[in-house]
Amino acid sequence: MTSGGQNGTSGEGGFRPGPWTIVALAGVVVAVVTASSDMIEGAGDHWLEPVVWEVTSAISIVSLAPLIGMAMLRWPPGADLVRFGLIHFALTVPFSLAHVLAIWLSREAAYWAVGAHYGFFHDGVAITLLYEWRKDVLSYAVIALVYWIFLRQAERPPPAQPGEDRIEIRDGASAVFLAPGDLLWVEAAGNYVEFHTGVRSHLVRGTLAAWEARLTAKGFVRVHRSRLVNRARIASIKPTPSGDVEITLSDGRTLVGSRRYRDALESAPAP
């Protein structure tokens, strides 16, 4: 088994950084480079000011990054890219407001601790918010891209290994290994794929088409546009008046097979 999440996963293959870890490391690098540049250029009244500015900004953005990951999970890129773009563009506004509030409070606290005052809004609230929002749009886009890359990787079935007798599926933060014979059927559920066994179900992010390519060699056959069935677990196939088929599984449960896939179902060899 492996465990992990947004921070990363650990297991037999060693630690694999997650999207939040990548964002955090990038935040550290950006903070160090920008703060050192500001110090060289003489920004601020004291060399420590640029450090406070960049560290507070980095901590704020890295802390907010998981929310962008959740937004990408809720509204991933799809066929309607316009809708996807508008939703995430709109979300840059609350993201930027939260970022500004966090750095304003943390910097005011840091300056107060040394008896100084931080005039964050000395150019006016509207101008300051607009200035920060311009930069936060780019930050949001980069973080969203990182999470999208990891989401795409998570949707792909683990590569088959020569001679393997188990199927690996990533159920939440864990990797679950199932024998092909334990699986009854697999079906699409929105942006997820649900694996049904005789005991429980496992919901993983992915596409049915990708898993079909992996499971065909294990004896699974498509019986519906949103469903694959383990051929070895089919007890009987009964035609219905509509031309579809009623599939009875070895545990007594029944599924509906589309007439579109009836020929492929009846001719598919058992593994």
Protein backbone atom coordinates (compact mmCIF):
# COMPACT_ATOMS: atom_id res chain seq x y z
CA MET A 1 0.00 0.00 0.00
CA THR A 2 1.07 3.58 -0.50
CA SER A 3 -0.12 6.67 1.30
CA GLY A 4 -0.06 10.36 0.66
CA GLY A 5 -2.10 13.16 -0.84
CA GLN A 6 -1.47 16.69 -1.93
CA ASN A 7 1.87 16.69 -0.13
CA GLY A 8 3.12 13.52 -1.82
CA THR A 9 3.03 9.75 -1.63
CA SER A 10 5.38 7.22 -0.13
CA GLY A 11 5.63 3.52 -0.71
CA GLU A 12 7.69 0.86 -2.41
CA GLY A 13 8.89 3.32 -5.04
CA GLY A 14 9.99 5.90 -2.48
CA PHE A 15 8.63 9.37 -1.86
CA ARG A 16 6.90 11.03 -4.79
CA PRO A 17 6.17 14.75 -4.33
CA GLY A 18 2.59 15.87 -4.70
CA PRO A 19 1.34 19.15 -6.21
CA TRP A 20 1.40 21.05 -2.91
CA THR A 21 5.03 20.04 -2.35
CA ILE A 22 5.97 21.30 -5.80
CA VAL A 23 4.16 24.60 -5.17
CA ALA A 24 5.82 24.99 -1.77
CA LEU A 25 9.31 24.37 -3.16
CA ALA A 26 8.66 26.83 -6.00
CA GLY A 27 7.42 29.36 -3.45
CA VAL A 28 10.65 29.07 -1.46
CA VAL A 29 12.77 29.56 -4.58
CA VAL A 30 10.77 32.58 -5.74
CA ALA A 31 10.86 34.14 -2.26
CA VAL A 32 14.65 33.72 -1.98
CA VAL A 33 15.36 35.06 -5.48
CA THR A 34 12.99 38.02 -5.20
CA ALA A 35 14.05 38.98 -1.67
CA SER A 36 17.74 38.85 -2.58
CA SER A 37 17.08 40.94 -5.70
CA ASP A 38 15.21 43.53 -3.62
CA MET A 39 18.06 43.68 -1.11
CA ILE A 40 20.63 44.16 -3.87
CA GLU A 41 18.54 46.90 -5.46
CA GLY A 42 18.04 48.58 -2.09
CA ALA A 43 14.28 48.20 -1.87
CA GLY A 44 12.84 49.10 1.52
CA ASP A 45 14.36 51.07 4.37
CA HIS A 46 16.11 48.04 5.86
CA TRP A 47 17.53 44.84 4.39
CA LEU A 48 15.05 42.80 6.46
CA GLU A 49 12.01 44.39 4.81
CA PRO A 50 12.26 42.50 1.51
CA VAL A 51 12.58 39.26 3.46
CA VAL A 52 9.39 39.98 5.38
CA TRP A 53 7.57 40.97 2.18
CA GLU A 54 8.48 37.87 0.22
CA VAL A 55 8.21 35.36 3.05
CA THR A 56 4.72 36.54 4.03
CA SER A 57 3.60 36.47 0.41
CA ALA A 58 5.02 33.00 -0.20
CA ILE A 59 3.46 31.57 2.96
CA SER A 60 0.09 33.04 2.04
CA ILE A 61 0.10 31.72 -1.54
CA VAL A 62 1.36 28.27 -0.57
CA SER A 63 -1.32 28.06 2.14
CA LEU A 64 -4.03 28.92 -0.39
CA ALA A 65 -2.73 26.52 -3.04
CA PRO A 66 -4.80 23.49 -1.87
CA LEU A 67 -7.96 25.54 -2.45
CA ILE A 68 -6.93 26.00 -6.08
CA GLY A 69 -6.35 22.26 -6.25
CA MET A 70 -9.88 21.67 -4.95
CA ALA A 71 -11.25 24.11 -7.54
CA MET A 72 -9.42 22.26 -10.33
CA LEU A 73 -10.86 18.99 -9.05
CA ARG A 74 -14.36 20.48 -8.95
CA TRP A 75 -14.10 22.30 -12.30
CA PRO A 76 -11.48 20.51 -14.42
CA PRO A 77 -10.81 21.36 -18.06
CA GLY A 78 -13.39 19.72 -20.29
CA ALA A 79 -15.19 20.15 -23.56
CA ASP A 80 -16.45 23.59 -22.51
CA LEU A 81 -13.17 25.45 -22.14
CA VAL A 82 -14.92 28.83 -22.10
CA ARG A 83 -16.86 27.87 -18.98
CA PHE A 84 -13.72 26.44 -17.41
CA GLY A 85 -11.79 29.66 -18.13
CA LEU A 86 -14.53 31.96 -16.83
CA ILE A 87 -14.95 30.02 -13.60
CA HIS A 88 -11.27 30.01 -12.75
CA PHE A 89 -10.76 33.60 -13.88
CA ALA A 90 -13.56 34.60 -11.49
CA LEU A 91 -11.92 32.59 -8.69
CA THR A 92 -8.74 34.67 -9.02
CA VAL A 93 -10.64 37.52 -7.32
CA PRO A 94 -11.32 35.81 -3.95
CA PHE A 95 -7.88 34.19 -4.19
CA SER A 96 -6.25 37.60 -4.54
CA LEU A 97 -8.39 39.15 -1.78
CA ALA A 98 -7.42 36.34 0.60
CA HIS A 99 -3.76 36.74 -0.38
CA VAL A 100 -3.86 40.52 0.20
CA LEU A 101 -5.62 40.17 3.54
CA ALA A 102 -3.09 37.60 4.74
CA ILE A 103 0.01 39.59 3.77
CA TRP A 104 -1.46 42.85 5.09
CA LEU A 105 -2.18 41.38 8.52
CA SER A 106 1.09 39.45 8.77
CA ARG A 107 3.22 42.39 7.64
CA GLU A 108 1.42 44.81 9.92
CA ALA A 109 2.10 42.40 12.79
CA ALA A 110 5.79 42.11 11.84
CA TYR A 111 6.23 45.89 11.62
CA TRP A 112 4.30 46.44 14.85
CA ALA A 113 6.63 44.00 16.63
CA VAL A 114 9.59 46.29 15.90
CA GLY A 115 7.71 49.52 16.55
CA ALA A 116 7.23 50.47 12.90
CA HIS A 117 4.25 51.01 10.61
CA TYR A 118 3.60 49.28 7.29
CA GLY A 119 1.75 51.51 4.84
CA PHE A 120 0.44 48.80 2.54
CA PHE A 121 -2.44 50.91 1.23
CA HIS A 122 -0.63 54.23 1.02
CA ASP A 123 -1.40 54.44 -2.74
CA GLY A 124 -5.09 53.74 -2.14
CA VAL A 125 -7.01 50.52 -1.53
CA ALA A 126 -8.30 50.14 -5.12
CA ILE A 127 -4.90 50.67 -6.74
CA THR A 128 -3.22 48.28 -4.33
CA LEU A 129 -5.84 45.57 -4.85
CA LEU A 130 -5.59 45.92 -8.63
CA TYR A 131 -1.79 45.81 -8.50
CA GLU A 132 -1.79 42.64 -6.39
CA TRP A 133 -4.57 41.01 -8.42
CA ARG A 134 -2.53 41.31 -11.64
CA LYS A 135 0.24 39.26 -10.08
CA ASP A 136 -2.13 36.84 -8.37
CA VAL A 137 -3.78 35.92 -11.68
CA LEU A 138 -0.41 34.58 -12.84
CA SER A 139 0.18 32.80 -9.53
CA TYR A 140 -3.26 31.19 -9.72
CA ALA A 141 -2.65 30.05 -13.30
CA VAL A 142 0.72 28.47 -12.49
CA ILE A 143 -0.63 26.66 -9.40
CA ALA A 144 -3.70 25.50 -11.32
CA LEU A 145 -1.40 24.11 -14.03
CA VAL A 146 0.61 22.15 -11.47
CA TYR A 147 -2.55 20.60 -10.02
CA TRP A 148 -3.91 19.87 -13.49
CA ILE A 149 -0.74 17.97 -14.40
CA PHE A 150 -1.07 15.82 -11.29
CA LEU A 151 -4.78 15.28 -11.92
CA ARG A 152 -4.02 14.08 -15.44
CA GLN A 153 -1.42 11.67 -14.08
CA ALA A 154 -3.88 10.38 -11.49
CA GLU A 155 -6.47 9.68 -14.19
CA ARG A 156 -4.16 7.32 -16.03
CA PRO A 157 -4.27 3.68 -14.96
CA PRO A 158 -0.97 2.46 -13.52
CA PRO A 159 1.10 0.79 -16.25
CA ALA A 160 0.70 -2.95 -16.53
CA GLN A 161 3.64 -5.01 -15.37
CA PRO A 162 4.72 -8.20 -17.18
CA GLY A 163 3.12 -11.25 -15.60
CA GLU A 164 1.18 -9.23 -13.03
CA ASP A 165 -1.78 -10.99 -11.44
CA ARG A 166 -3.24 -7.96 -9.67
CA ILE A 167 -4.81 -4.66 -10.70
CA GLU A 168 -3.63 -1.51 -8.97
CA ILE A 169 -6.14 1.26 -8.41
CA ARG A 170 -5.55 4.42 -6.44
CA ASP A 171 -8.41 4.80 -3.99
CA GLY A 172 -8.06 8.24 -2.40
CA ALA A 173 -4.66 8.43 -0.72
CA SER A 174 -3.98 4.70 -0.99
CA ALA A 175 -3.10 2.22 -3.68
CA VAL A 176 -5.37 -0.83 -3.59
CA PHE A 177 -4.35 -4.09 -5.27
CA LEU A 178 -7.17 -6.33 -6.47
CA ALA A 179 -7.15 -9.71 -8.20
CA PRO A 180 -9.02 -9.48 -11.54
CA GLY A 181 -11.40 -12.19 -10.36
CA ASP A 182 -12.49 -10.02 -7.43
CA LEU A 183 -13.85 -7.34 -9.73
CA LEU A 184 -17.42 -7.74 -10.95
CA TRP A 185 -17.89 -4.65 -13.07
CA VAL A 186 -16.46 -1.18 -13.66
CA GLU A 187 -18.51 1.87 -14.55
CA ALA A 188 -18.06 5.54 -15.30
CA ALA A 189 -19.23 8.06 -12.69
CA GLY A 190 -18.68 11.55 -14.05
CA ASN A 191 -14.97 12.34 -13.84
CA TYR A 192 -14.43 9.11 -11.90
CA VAL A 193 -14.47 5.36 -12.46
CA GLU A 194 -16.10 3.06 -9.91
CA PHE A 195 -14.78 -0.46 -9.37
CA HIS A 196 -17.28 -2.93 -7.89
CA THR A 197 -16.26 -6.04 -5.99
CA GLY A 198 -18.42 -8.42 -4.03
CA VAL A 199 -17.50 -6.58 -0.83
CA ARG A 200 -17.21 -2.86 -1.62
CA SER A 201 -16.68 -0.28 -4.32
CA HIS A 202 -13.64 1.87 -5.08
CA LEU A 203 -14.01 5.30 -6.66
CA VAL A 204 -10.97 6.62 -8.52
CA ARG A 205 -10.48 9.57 -10.80
CA GLY A 206 -10.07 8.59 -14.45
CA THR A 207 -11.86 7.67 -17.65
CA LEU A 208 -13.55 4.42 -18.54
CA ALA A 209 -11.85 4.38 -21.96
CA ALA A 210 -8.40 4.43 -20.35
CA TRP A 211 -9.30 1.59 -18.02
CA GLU A 212 -10.91 -0.41 -20.83
CA ALA A 213 -7.58 -0.42 -22.66
CA ARG A 214 -5.96 -1.80 -19.51
CA LEU A 215 -8.66 -4.30 -18.51
CA THR A 216 -9.52 -5.88 -21.86
CA ALA A 217 -6.58 -8.25 -21.50
CA LYS A 218 -7.96 -9.24 -18.06
CA GLY A 219 -11.23 -10.48 -19.54
CA PHE A 220 -13.35 -7.36 -19.19
CA VAL A 221 -15.76 -6.46 -21.96
CA ARG A 222 -17.77 -3.30 -22.58
CA VAL A 223 -21.51 -3.91 -22.25
CA HIS A 224 -22.64 -0.30 -22.13
CA ARG A 225 -21.13 3.06 -23.00
CA SER A 226 -20.53 3.60 -19.28
CA ARG A 227 -19.90 0.06 -18.07
CA LEU A 228 -17.38 -2.81 -18.32
CA VAL A 229 -18.11 -6.29 -16.98
CA ASN A 230 -15.77 -9.08 -15.95
CA ARG A 231 -16.61 -11.82 -18.46
CA ALA A 232 -15.58 -14.52 -15.99
CA ARG A 233 -18.17 -13.29 -13.44
CA ILE A 234 -21.16 -13.41 -15.79
CA ALA A 235 -23.59 -16.17 -14.85
CA SER A 236 -26.17 -15.61 -17.57
CA ILE A 237 -27.21 -13.23 -20.35
CA LYS A 238 -30.90 -12.73 -21.06
CA PRO A 239 -32.24 -10.69 -23.99
CA THR A 240 -34.94 -8.12 -23.23
CA PRO A 241 -37.84 -7.04 -25.47
CA SER A 242 -36.07 -3.74 -26.17
CA GLY A 243 -33.06 -5.53 -27.67
CA ASP A 244 -30.83 -4.88 -24.66
CA VAL A 245 -29.58 -7.68 -22.42
CA GLU A 246 -29.98 -8.43 -18.74
CA ILE A 247 -26.68 -9.63 -17.31
CA THR A 248 -26.76 -11.72 -14.16
CA LEU A 249 -23.48 -11.85 -12.27
CA SER A 250 -22.12 -14.69 -10.18
CA ASP A 251 -23.25 -13.00 -6.96
CA GLY A 252 -26.84 -12.65 -8.20
CA ARG A 253 -26.75 -8.97 -9.05
CA THR A 254 -28.04 -7.89 -12.45
CA LEU A 255 -26.86 -5.23 -14.86
CA VAL A 256 -28.23 -3.87 -18.11
CA GLY A 257 -26.17 -4.30 -21.25
CA SER A 258 -26.80 -2.12 -24.28
CA ARG A 259 -27.84 -3.78 -27.53
CA ARG A 260 -25.09 -1.76 -29.17
CA TYR A 261 -22.50 -3.96 -27.42
CA ARG A 262 -24.51 -7.19 -27.44
CA ASP A 263 -22.56 -8.90 -30.21
CA ALA A 264 -19.20 -8.03 -28.63
CA LEU A 265 -20.43 -9.31 -25.26
CA GLU A 266 -21.66 -12.65 -26.58
CA SER A 267 -18.56 -13.26 -28.69
CA ALA A 268 -15.98 -12.14 -26.14
CA PRO A 269 -13.90 -15.08 -24.92
CA ALA A 270 -13.58 -15.73 -21.22
CA PRO A 271 -10.05 -15.10 -19.85
